[in-house]
């Protein structure tokens, strides 16, 4: 299990900004990012995720935003 933690740590340190690519899908009233699947809801967490880009889950502050 030690090697898994080391890999996760390396991934956490490799955050970089990548733009979202929102698109509309039939039967869904909100845009969805074509790359990461983020649904553009109108709330604080979604706004933060949009600002941080597609790799928002790798950002160091991600868990504190939930």
PDB file of N, CA and C in Angstrom:
ATOM      1  N   UNK A   1       0.807  -1.207   0.000  1.00  0.00           N
ATOM      2  CA  UNK A   1       0.000   0.000   0.000  1.00  0.00           C
ATOM      3  C   UNK A   1       0.849   1.269   0.000  1.00  0.00           C
ATOM      4  N   UNK A   2       2.095   1.201   0.404  1.00  0.00           N
ATOM      5  CA  UNK A   2       2.950   2.375   0.463  1.00  0.00           C
ATOM      6  C   UNK A   2       3.175   3.006  -0.892  1.00  0.00           C
ATOM      7  N   UNK A   3       3.311   2.198  -1.928  1.00  0.00           N
ATOM      8  CA  UNK A   3       3.557   2.739  -3.259  1.00  0.00           C
ATOM      9  C   UNK A   3       2.347   3.482  -3.793  1.00  0.00           C
ATOM     10  N   UNK A   4       1.123   3.069  -3.388  1.00  0.00           N
ATOM     11  CA  UNK A   4      -0.083   3.755  -3.839  1.00  0.00           C
ATOM     12  C   UNK A   4      -0.102   5.181  -3.288  1.00  0.00           C
ATOM     13  N   UNK A   5       0.231   5.331  -2.008  1.00  0.00           N
ATOM     14  CA  UNK A   5       0.264   6.660  -1.400  1.00  0.00           C
ATOM     15  C   UNK A   5       1.286   7.549  -2.094  1.00  0.00           C
ATOM     16  N   UNK A   6       2.433   6.986  -2.453  1.00  0.00           N
ATOM     17  CA  UNK A   6       3.467   7.756  -3.131  1.00  0.00           C
ATOM     18  C   UNK A   6       2.966   8.223  -4.498  1.00  0.00           C
ATOM     19  N   UNK A   7       2.240   7.372  -5.224  1.00  0.00           N
ATOM     20  CA  UNK A   7       1.714   7.755  -6.534  1.00  0.00           C
ATOM     21  C   UNK A   7       0.679   8.860  -6.399  1.00  0.00           C
ATOM     22  N   UNK A   8      -0.188   8.748  -5.408  1.00  0.00           N
ATOM     23  CA  UNK A   8      -1.211   9.776  -5.193  1.00  0.00           C
ATOM     24  C   UNK A   8      -0.544  11.098  -4.851  1.00  0.00           C
ATOM     25  N   UNK A   9       0.489  11.073  -4.035  1.00  0.00           N
ATOM     26  CA  UNK A   9       1.208  12.291  -3.681  1.00  0.00           C
ATOM     27  C   UNK A   9       1.804  12.939  -4.924  1.00  0.00           C
ATOM     28  N   UNK A  10       2.387  12.146  -5.817  1.00  0.00           N
ATOM     29  CA  UNK A  10       2.956  12.678  -7.055  1.00  0.00           C
ATOM     30  C   UNK A  10       1.870  13.307  -7.923  1.00  0.00           C
ATOM     31  N   UNK A  11       0.704  12.674  -7.975  1.00  0.00           N
ATOM     32  CA  UNK A  11      -0.399  13.210  -8.775  1.00  0.00           C
ATOM     33  C   UNK A  11      -0.874  14.525  -8.183  1.00  0.00           C
ATOM     34  N   UNK A  12      -1.004  14.614  -6.865  1.00  0.00           N
ATOM     35  CA  UNK A  12      -1.453  15.840  -6.215  1.00  0.00           C
ATOM     36  C   UNK A  12      -0.520  17.000  -6.525  1.00  0.00           C
ATOM     37  N   UNK A  13       0.758  16.730  -6.627  1.00  0.00           N
ATOM     38  CA  UNK A  13       1.718  17.786  -6.898  1.00  0.00           C
ATOM     39  C   UNK A  13       1.730  18.196  -8.365  1.00  0.00           C
ATOM     40  N   UNK A  14       1.085  17.446  -9.239  1.00  0.00           N
ATOM     41  CA  UNK A  14       1.142  17.740 -10.670  1.00  0.00           C
ATOM     42  C   UNK A  14      -0.103  18.480 -11.178  1.00  0.00           C
ATOM     43  N   UNK A  15      -0.803  19.218 -10.311  1.00  0.00           N
ATOM     44  CA  UNK A  15      -1.960  19.994 -10.743  1.00  0.00           C
ATOM     45  C   UNK A  15      -1.525  21.093 -11.709  1.00  0.00           C
ATOM     46  N   UNK A  16      -2.269  21.241 -12.772  1.00  0.00           N
ATOM     47  CA  UNK A  16      -2.093  22.377 -13.671  1.00  0.00           C
ATOM     48  C   UNK A  16      -3.460  22.725 -14.248  1.00  0.00           C
ATOM     49  N   UNK A  17      -3.624  23.958 -14.647  1.00  0.00           N
ATOM     50  CA  UNK A  17      -4.912  24.425 -15.156  1.00  0.00           C
ATOM     51  C   UNK A  17      -5.135  23.948 -16.585  1.00  0.00           C
ATOM     52  N   UNK A  18      -6.303  23.385 -16.822  1.00  0.00           N
ATOM     53  CA  UNK A  18      -6.748  23.025 -18.173  1.00  0.00           C
ATOM     54  C   UNK A  18      -8.193  23.496 -18.315  1.00  0.00           C
ATOM     55  N   UNK A  19      -8.486  24.211 -19.381  1.00  0.00           N
ATOM     56  CA  UNK A  19      -9.829  24.761 -19.590  1.00  0.00           C
ATOM     57  C   UNK A  19     -10.884  23.675 -19.725  1.00  0.00           C
ATOM     58  N   UNK A  20     -12.103  24.010 -19.268  1.00  0.00           N
ATOM     59  CA  UNK A  20     -13.263  23.157 -19.498  1.00  0.00           C
ATOM     60  C   UNK A  20     -13.763  23.386 -20.914  1.00  0.00           C
ATOM     61  N   UNK A  21     -14.529  22.439 -21.424  1.00  0.00           N
ATOM     62  CA  UNK A  21     -15.174  22.607 -22.722  1.00  0.00           C
ATOM     63  C   UNK A  21     -16.652  22.233 -22.555  1.00  0.00           C
ATOM     64  N   UNK A  22     -17.472  23.205 -22.122  1.00  0.00           N
ATOM     65  CA  UNK A  22     -18.886  22.903 -21.881  1.00  0.00           C
ATOM     66  C   UNK A  22     -19.652  22.667 -23.179  1.00  0.00           C
ATOM     67  N   UNK A  23     -20.580  21.739 -23.092  1.00  0.00           N
ATOM     68  CA  UNK A  23     -21.465  21.469 -24.229  1.00  0.00           C
ATOM     69  C   UNK A  23     -22.842  21.127 -23.681  1.00  0.00           C
ATOM     70  N   UNK A  24     -23.869  21.352 -24.472  1.00  0.00           N
ATOM     71  CA  UNK A  24     -25.228  21.007 -24.066  1.00  0.00           C
ATOM     72  C   UNK A  24     -25.558  19.607 -24.578  1.00  0.00           C
ATOM     73  N   UNK A  25     -26.300  18.896 -23.768  1.00  0.00           N
ATOM     74  CA  UNK A  25     -26.717  17.530 -24.100  1.00  0.00           C
ATOM     75  C   UNK A  25     -28.238  17.480 -24.031  1.00  0.00           C
ATOM     76  N   UNK A  26     -28.857  16.765 -24.928  1.00  0.00           N
ATOM     77  CA  UNK A  26     -30.312  16.639 -24.912  1.00  0.00           C
ATOM     78  C   UNK A  26     -30.792  16.102 -23.567  1.00  0.00           C
ATOM     79  N   UNK A  27     -31.922  16.613 -23.119  1.00  0.00           N
ATOM     80  CA  UNK A  27     -32.595  16.199 -21.892  1.00  0.00           C
ATOM     81  C   UNK A  27     -31.866  16.588 -20.603  1.00  0.00           C
ATOM     82  N   UNK A  28     -30.763  17.332 -20.690  1.00  0.00           N
ATOM     83  CA  UNK A  28     -30.074  17.818 -19.492  1.00  0.00           C
ATOM     84  C   UNK A  28     -30.076  19.346 -19.567  1.00  0.00           C
ATOM     85  N   UNK A  29     -30.670  20.016 -18.570  1.00  0.00           N
ATOM     86  CA  UNK A  29     -30.792  21.478 -18.652  1.00  0.00           C
ATOM     87  C   UNK A  29     -29.498  22.250 -18.385  1.00  0.00           C
ATOM     88  N   UNK A  30     -28.436  21.593 -17.956  1.00  0.00           N
ATOM     89  CA  UNK A  30     -27.172  22.259 -17.657  1.00  0.00           C
ATOM     90  C   UNK A  30     -26.088  21.823 -18.641  1.00  0.00           C
ATOM     91  N   UNK A  31     -25.163  22.722 -18.942  1.00  0.00           N
ATOM     92  CA  UNK A  31     -24.007  22.327 -19.762  1.00  0.00           C
ATOM     93  C   UNK A  31     -23.136  21.314 -19.007  1.00  0.00           C
ATOM     94  N   UNK A  32     -22.438  20.477 -19.740  1.00  0.00           N
ATOM     95  CA  UNK A  32     -21.550  19.460 -19.173  1.00  0.00           C
ATOM     96  C   UNK A  32     -20.199  19.586 -19.873  1.00  0.00           C
ATOM     97  N   UNK A  33     -19.108  19.519 -19.086  1.00  0.00           N
ATOM     98  CA  UNK A  33     -17.785  19.603 -19.685  1.00  0.00           C
ATOM     99  C   UNK A  33     -17.503  18.335 -20.485  1.00  0.00           C
ATOM    100  N   UNK A  34     -17.094  18.517 -21.715  1.00  0.00           N
ATOM    101  CA  UNK A  34     -16.812  17.392 -22.600  1.00  0.00           C
ATOM    102  C   UNK A  34     -15.605  16.591 -22.123  1.00  0.00           C
ATOM    103  N   UNK A  35     -14.644  17.240 -21.445  1.00  0.00           N
ATOM    104  CA  UNK A  35     -13.414  16.567 -21.023  1.00  0.00           C
ATOM    105  C   UNK A  35     -13.553  15.842 -19.685  1.00  0.00           C
ATOM    106  N   UNK A  36     -14.048  16.548 -18.649  1.00  0.00           N
ATOM    107  CA  UNK A  36     -14.051  15.953 -17.302  1.00  0.00           C
ATOM    108  C   UNK A  36     -15.434  15.557 -16.797  1.00  0.00           C
ATOM    109  N   UNK A  37     -16.501  15.982 -17.476  1.00  0.00           N
ATOM    110  CA  UNK A  37     -17.844  15.594 -17.075  1.00  0.00           C
ATOM    111  C   UNK A  37     -18.470  16.484 -16.017  1.00  0.00           C
ATOM    112  N   UNK A  38     -17.854  17.610 -15.696  1.00  0.00           N
ATOM    113  CA  UNK A  38     -18.402  18.529 -14.702  1.00  0.00           C
ATOM    114  C   UNK A  38     -19.738  19.084 -15.188  1.00  0.00           C
ATOM    115  N   UNK A  39     -20.762  18.970 -14.349  1.00  0.00           N
ATOM    116  CA  UNK A  39     -22.077  19.513 -14.664  1.00  0.00           C
ATOM    117  C   UNK A  39     -22.119  20.939 -14.122  1.00  0.00           C
ATOM    118  N   UNK A  40     -22.455  21.895 -14.965  1.00  0.00           N
ATOM    119  CA  UNK A  40     -22.443  23.306 -14.602  1.00  0.00           C
ATOM    120  C   UNK A  40     -23.688  23.680 -13.800  1.00  0.00           C
ATOM    121  N   UNK A  41     -23.714  23.299 -12.539  1.00  0.00           N
ATOM    122  CA  UNK A  41     -24.793  23.695 -11.638  1.00  0.00           C
ATOM    123  C   UNK A  41     -24.525  25.115 -11.153  1.00  0.00           C
ATOM    124  N   UNK A  42     -25.531  25.741 -10.599  1.00  0.00           N
ATOM    125  CA  UNK A  42     -25.363  27.108 -10.099  1.00  0.00           C
ATOM    126  C   UNK A  42     -25.157  27.071  -8.591  1.00  0.00           C
ATOM    127  N   UNK A  43     -23.942  26.681  -8.164  1.00  0.00           N
ATOM    128  CA  UNK A  43     -23.621  26.672  -6.744  1.00  0.00           C
ATOM    129  C   UNK A  43     -22.146  27.026  -6.533  1.00  0.00           C
ATOM    130  N   UNK A  44     -21.779  27.176  -5.272  1.00  0.00           N
ATOM    131  CA  UNK A  44     -20.435  27.629  -4.913  1.00  0.00           C
ATOM    132  C   UNK A  44     -19.352  26.630  -5.339  1.00  0.00           C
ATOM    133  N   UNK A  45     -19.589  25.346  -5.140  1.00  0.00           N
ATOM    134  CA  UNK A  45     -18.593  24.322  -5.470  1.00  0.00           C
ATOM    135  C   UNK A  45     -18.349  24.269  -6.978  1.00  0.00           C
ATOM    136  N   UNK A  46     -19.407  24.312  -7.756  1.00  0.00           N
ATOM    137  CA  UNK A  46     -19.255  24.279  -9.214  1.00  0.00           C
ATOM    138  C   UNK A  46     -18.500  25.502  -9.711  1.00  0.00           C
ATOM    139  N   UNK A  47     -18.808  26.661  -9.139  1.00  0.00           N
ATOM    140  CA  UNK A  47     -18.104  27.878  -9.532  1.00  0.00           C
ATOM    141  C   UNK A  47     -16.603  27.739  -9.260  1.00  0.00           C
ATOM    142  N   UNK A  48     -16.251  27.191  -8.102  1.00  0.00           N
ATOM    143  CA  UNK A  48     -14.837  26.983  -7.758  1.00  0.00           C
ATOM    144  C   UNK A  48     -14.189  26.010  -8.745  1.00  0.00           C
ATOM    145  N   UNK A  49     -14.876  24.912  -9.050  1.00  0.00           N
ATOM    146  CA  UNK A  49     -14.345  23.911  -9.979  1.00  0.00           C
ATOM    147  C   UNK A  49     -14.139  24.490 -11.374  1.00  0.00           C
ATOM    148  N   UNK A  50     -15.027  25.359 -11.820  1.00  0.00           N
ATOM    149  CA  UNK A  50     -14.883  25.994 -13.128  1.00  0.00           C
ATOM    150  C   UNK A  50     -13.640  26.880 -13.144  1.00  0.00           C
ATOM    151  N   UNK A  51     -13.406  27.605 -12.060  1.00  0.00           N
ATOM    152  CA  UNK A  51     -12.233  28.474 -11.975  1.00  0.00           C
ATOM    153  C   UNK A  51     -10.928  27.690 -11.972  1.00  0.00           C
ATOM    154  N   UNK A  52     -10.929  26.476 -11.419  1.00  0.00           N
ATOM    155  CA  UNK A  52      -9.699  25.686 -11.302  1.00  0.00           C
ATOM    156  C   UNK A  52      -9.446  24.794 -12.502  1.00  0.00           C
ATOM    157  N   UNK A  53     -10.413  24.622 -13.390  1.00  0.00           N
ATOM    158  CA  UNK A  53     -10.216  23.852 -14.611  1.00  0.00           C
ATOM    159  C   UNK A  53     -10.561  22.374 -14.475  1.00  0.00           C
ATOM    160  N   UNK A  54     -10.291  21.624 -15.534  1.00  0.00           N
ATOM    161  CA  UNK A  54     -10.660  20.207 -15.590  1.00  0.00           C
ATOM    162  C   UNK A  54      -9.945  19.341 -14.549  1.00  0.00           C
ATOM    163  N   UNK A  55      -8.789  19.753 -14.112  1.00  0.00           N
ATOM    164  CA  UNK A  55      -8.047  18.972 -13.117  1.00  0.00           C
ATOM    165  C   UNK A  55      -8.303  19.485 -11.708  1.00  0.00           C
ATOM    166  N   UNK A  56      -9.509  20.034 -11.464  1.00  0.00           N
ATOM    167  CA  UNK A  56      -9.831  20.610 -10.161  1.00  0.00           C
ATOM    168  C   UNK A  56      -9.708  19.598  -9.018  1.00  0.00           C
ATOM    169  N   UNK A  57      -9.927  18.304  -9.295  1.00  0.00           N
ATOM    170  CA  UNK A  57      -9.835  17.287  -8.246  1.00  0.00           C
ATOM    171  C   UNK A  57      -8.403  17.092  -7.753  1.00  0.00           C
ATOM    172  N   UNK A  58      -7.415  17.497  -8.538  1.00  0.00           N
ATOM    173  CA  UNK A  58      -6.017  17.383  -8.129  1.00  0.00           C
ATOM    174  C   UNK A  58      -5.535  18.607  -7.352  1.00  0.00           C
ATOM    175  N   UNK A  59      -6.347  19.654  -7.303  1.00  0.00           N
ATOM    176  CA  UNK A  59      -5.948  20.885  -6.619  1.00  0.00           C
ATOM    177  C   UNK A  59      -5.865  20.621  -5.117  1.00  0.00           C
ATOM    178  N   UNK A  60      -4.911  21.268  -4.454  1.00  0.00           N
ATOM    179  CA  UNK A  60      -4.690  21.036  -3.026  1.00  0.00           C
ATOM    180  C   UNK A  60      -5.872  21.453  -2.156  1.00  0.00           C
ATOM    181  N   UNK A  61      -6.689  22.387  -2.599  1.00  0.00           N
ATOM    182  CA  UNK A  61      -7.831  22.866  -1.815  1.00  0.00           C
ATOM    183  C   UNK A  61      -9.142  22.182  -2.182  1.00  0.00           C
ATOM    184  N   UNK A  62      -9.118  21.159  -2.985  1.00  0.00           N
ATOM    185  CA  UNK A  62     -10.355  20.536  -3.466  1.00  0.00           C
ATOM    186  C   UNK A  62     -11.224  20.005  -2.330  1.00  0.00           C
ATOM    187  N   UNK A  63     -10.665  19.241  -1.425  1.00  0.00           N
ATOM    188  CA  UNK A  63     -11.473  18.644  -0.339  1.00  0.00           C
ATOM    189  C   UNK A  63     -12.056  19.695   0.584  1.00  0.00           C
ATOM    190  N   UNK A  64     -11.359  20.802   0.772  1.00  0.00           N
ATOM    191  CA  UNK A  64     -11.883  21.858   1.653  1.00  0.00           C
ATOM    192  C   UNK A  64     -13.061  22.581   1.027  1.00  0.00           C
ATOM    193  N   UNK A  65     -13.234  22.460  -0.284  1.00  0.00           N
ATOM    194  CA  UNK A  65     -14.351  23.127  -0.964  1.00  0.00           C
ATOM    195  C   UNK A  65     -15.641  22.311  -0.895  1.00  0.00           C
ATOM    196  N   UNK A  66     -15.542  21.041  -0.571  1.00  0.00           N
ATOM    197  CA  UNK A  66     -16.742  20.204  -0.524  1.00  0.00           C
ATOM    198  C   UNK A  66     -17.525  20.384   0.741  1.00  0.00           C
TER     199      UNK A  66
END
